[in-house]
C-alpha cells in the first residue's frame, strides 16, 4: 500500500473525491490562497483546501442574504457539524464532502479545530453588526476570523525539529493572520461600506476625519483619507514583520507557501500605500505575473533567508 510522508495510508477513493471537491472550491473562490498552497506537497495542500472549504462555508453564511436569525441558526448548525468532526463521527461515505475531507485532515494532522469555533464566533460578530472602537477591539475580531486560521494552518505545516523559538510559532502564525486580515479590511473598505459594515476602528476614523464612512468613490469631505490609509498600512507592516518570524521555523515548502501568500498581501499594501484612493474606486489586486514572481521568490527561500539574517534569535 502506498503511504504518505507521515507513513499513513493514502486516502480512500471517497476521501480523495472529497478532497477534489475542496480543491475545486479553493481554486474557484480563493485565487491568492490557492496560489500559495500549490507550493505544498499533496497531503498538506489537500488539508489546507479542506480547511479553506469549511471556512468558506462559514463566511458564505455570514455574507449571504438570509435574515440574521436564520444566519445564526445555520452557523450553529455548522458548529454542530464541527463537533461531529472533532468527535470522529464522520464516515467516509458521508454526503458532505467538506466534512469528509476535514475529518480526514484532522486524523492526519494536529489541527486545533477550536480555531474553527473561533471563526464561527467572528462571523457571528458580523451577523450582529458589531463595530470596533479601538484597535484592541478590532484585534479580537481579526484573531477570530484570521488569526485562528493561521494557527490551524500551522497545524498542517508543523515546525522543523529543533527550530529555535518554535514554542512561539502559534503566536507568530496568529499575528500573520492579523496582518492579512487588516490588509483585507483596507482593500475592501468600499465594498464593506456598501454592505453596511465598518471594520476600521472608530478612534482611527475620527482621528483622520473619516467618521462619515466610505459610501462614495472619493474620500469624505475634509478628511485626511491618505493619512488614515498610511497609518493602517504601517500597522499592517509591523504585524507582517512580527509574523514573518515564523518562516525560519517551517520546512522549505511550507515556508514557501506562507511567504507566497504573505508576499502577495504585502505587495497589495504597497499598491494601496502608493494610491490610497484606489481602494475607494474598486478592488486592488495583483496581476498573475507578479503573483508568479512572489511564488518563485518564496520557493527559492529568499524571504526566509533574508529574515533569518535580519531577525535576532530570541532566547528559547
Foldseek 3Di string as FASTA:
>chain_A
DDADPVRHRDDDPLLVVLLVVLLVVCVVPPVLLNLLLVLDPDLLSSLLSLVVSLLVVLVCLLPDDDQLVVSLVVLVVSVVLLVCLVVLNDDSPDPNSSSSNNSVNVVVWVFPSVLVVLLSVLSNCSSVQDEAADPVRLLSSLLNNFLSSLLRSCRSFPFDPPDFPVVCLSVLSSLLRSLLVLLVLLQQQQVQVVVVHHYPHCNLCVVFVQNVGQPALDGDPPGPQLVSLVVSLVVSVVSCLSSLVNLVGTPLSSSLSSQLSSVQSNVSSVVCNVPVSVSSVHGDGDDPVVSVVSSVCSNVCVSVVVSVVVDDRDHD
